[in-house]
Amino acid sequence: MNTEFLIPISLFAMVFGIVYLAIRMKERKALIEKGLSAEILDSHKRSVVPSSLKWGMLAVGVGLGILIGRILAAYTCLGEEESFFSMIFLFGGFSLILYHFIARKMERDDQLPGA
C-alpha cells in the first residue's frame, strides 16, 4: 500500500496542533492577568450521558460493519475492500447517530422539573 501521502498530512496536522495550543495558552494567560477565571474557555457542560456509551456503541457498530462486510464479500460480487470499508463507515455512522438521539433524550429527561 502506498502511504507516502501520510507524511505531509501528519506534518501539517502537527503544526496546526502546536499553533492551536500556543494560541489557547496565550488566551488563558490574558484572562488570568485580567483577573478573570480561565474556566470560561472550558465550555464543556457536564453531560448526563457517559462518553463510554458513545465509544461502546461505536465499537459495536464497527464490529457489526466488519461482520456484514465479510458476509457481503463472500456472497456478493463486491470486493473485500469495498464491502469492508462501506459497512464499517455505514454502521459506525449509524451507531453515532443513534448515540446522538439517546444522549439528547437522556439530557432532556434529566432537565425535567421535579425529576
Protein backbone atom coordinates (compact mmCIF):
# COMPACT_ATOMS: atom_id res chain seq x y z
CA MET A 1 0.00 0.00 0.00
CA ASN A 2 1.32 3.43 -0.96
CA THR A 3 1.45 5.56 2.20
CA GLU A 4 3.81 8.40 1.31
CA PHE A 5 0.91 10.86 1.37
CA LEU A 6 0.57 10.44 5.16
CA ILE A 7 3.86 12.23 5.86
CA PRO A 8 2.82 15.73 4.66
CA ILE A 9 -0.65 15.32 6.18
CA SER A 10 0.79 14.42 9.58
CA LEU A 11 3.29 17.29 9.35
CA PHE A 12 0.54 19.86 8.71
CA ALA A 13 -1.61 18.35 11.47
CA MET A 14 1.26 18.60 13.93
CA VAL A 15 1.99 22.24 13.02
CA PHE A 16 -1.72 23.10 13.31
CA GLY A 17 -1.90 21.43 16.74
CA ILE A 18 1.13 23.30 18.06
CA VAL A 19 -0.17 26.67 16.81
CA TYR A 20 -3.63 25.97 18.24
CA LEU A 21 -2.23 25.09 21.66
CA ALA A 22 0.04 28.16 21.68
CA ILE A 23 -2.87 30.49 20.90
CA ARG A 24 -5.05 28.83 23.53
CA MET A 25 -2.32 29.20 26.14
CA LYS A 26 -1.96 32.92 25.33
CA GLU A 27 -5.72 33.40 25.71
CA ARG A 28 -5.69 31.72 29.10
CA LYS A 29 -2.75 33.83 30.28
CA ALA A 30 -4.51 37.03 29.17
CA LEU A 31 -7.67 36.06 31.08
CA ILE A 32 -5.73 35.25 34.23
CA GLU A 33 -3.80 38.55 34.00
CA LYS A 34 -7.11 40.43 33.84
CA GLY A 35 -8.25 38.63 36.97
CA LEU A 36 -10.85 36.51 35.25
CA SER A 37 -11.19 32.78 35.52
CA ALA A 38 -9.96 30.66 32.64
CA GLU A 39 -12.94 28.35 33.17
CA ILE A 40 -14.84 30.45 30.61
CA LEU A 41 -12.85 28.74 27.87
CA ASP A 42 -13.84 25.31 29.17
CA SER A 43 -17.40 25.50 27.95
CA HIS A 44 -17.91 21.76 28.18
CA LYS A 45 -21.03 21.26 30.18
CA ARG A 46 -21.31 18.13 32.22
CA SER A 47 -23.14 15.55 30.23
CA VAL A 48 -25.63 13.16 31.75
CA VAL A 49 -24.67 10.54 29.18
CA PRO A 50 -21.31 8.85 29.80
CA SER A 51 -18.80 9.01 26.96
CA SER A 52 -18.20 5.29 27.38
CA LEU A 53 -21.66 4.77 25.87
CA LYS A 54 -20.57 6.60 22.72
CA TRP A 55 -17.34 4.62 22.37
CA GLY A 56 -19.09 1.35 23.16
CA MET A 57 -21.77 1.98 20.56
CA LEU A 58 -19.10 2.94 18.01
CA ALA A 59 -17.16 -0.26 18.73
CA VAL A 60 -20.30 -2.36 18.32
CA GLY A 61 -21.13 -0.53 15.08
CA VAL A 62 -17.65 -1.08 13.67
CA GLY A 63 -17.72 -4.75 14.70
CA LEU A 64 -21.11 -5.21 13.09
CA GLY A 65 -19.79 -3.45 9.98
CA ILE A 66 -16.85 -5.85 9.77
CA LEU A 67 -19.19 -8.83 10.14
CA ILE A 68 -21.63 -7.60 7.48
CA GLY A 69 -18.69 -6.62 5.24
CA ARG A 70 -17.33 -10.15 5.46
CA ILE A 71 -20.75 -11.56 4.53
CA LEU A 72 -21.06 -9.15 1.58
CA ALA A 73 -17.56 -10.00 0.36
CA ALA A 74 -18.31 -13.72 0.48
CA TYR A 75 -21.79 -13.75 -1.07
CA THR A 76 -21.86 -10.81 -3.50
CA CYS A 77 -19.74 -9.54 -6.34
CA LEU A 78 -18.32 -6.70 -4.19
CA GLY A 79 -14.62 -6.83 -3.42
CA GLU A 80 -13.31 -7.15 0.11
CA GLU A 81 -12.09 -3.55 0.40
CA GLU A 82 -15.34 -2.02 -0.85
CA SER A 83 -17.55 -4.18 1.32
CA PHE A 84 -15.46 -3.79 4.49
CA PHE A 85 -14.95 -0.03 4.30
CA SER A 86 -18.50 0.75 3.25
CA MET A 87 -20.06 -1.35 6.01
CA ILE A 88 -17.65 -0.14 8.71
CA PHE A 89 -18.41 3.50 7.93
CA LEU A 90 -22.12 2.84 7.48
CA PHE A 91 -22.64 1.00 10.76
CA GLY A 92 -20.18 3.20 12.65
CA GLY A 93 -22.09 6.27 11.46
CA PHE A 94 -25.44 4.71 12.35
CA SER A 95 -24.19 3.96 15.85
CA LEU A 96 -23.05 7.57 16.37
CA ILE A 97 -26.38 8.91 15.08
CA LEU A 98 -28.21 6.56 17.45
CA TYR A 99 -25.98 7.75 20.30
CA HIS A 100 -26.91 11.35 19.49
CA PHE A 101 -30.63 10.60 19.82
CA ILE A 102 -30.12 8.61 23.04
CA ALA A 103 -27.97 11.36 24.58
CA ARG A 104 -30.46 14.06 23.62
CA LYS A 105 -33.34 12.09 25.16
CA MET A 106 -31.38 11.38 28.35
CA GLU A 107 -30.42 15.05 28.73
CA ARG A 108 -33.99 16.16 28.10
CA ASP A 109 -35.32 13.70 30.69
CA ASP A 110 -32.72 14.89 33.20
CA GLN A 111 -33.73 18.54 32.82
CA LEU A 112 -37.39 17.94 33.67
CA PRO A 113 -38.54 19.91 36.73
CA GLY A 114 -39.09 17.71 39.75
CA ALA A 115 -37.07 14.86 38.32
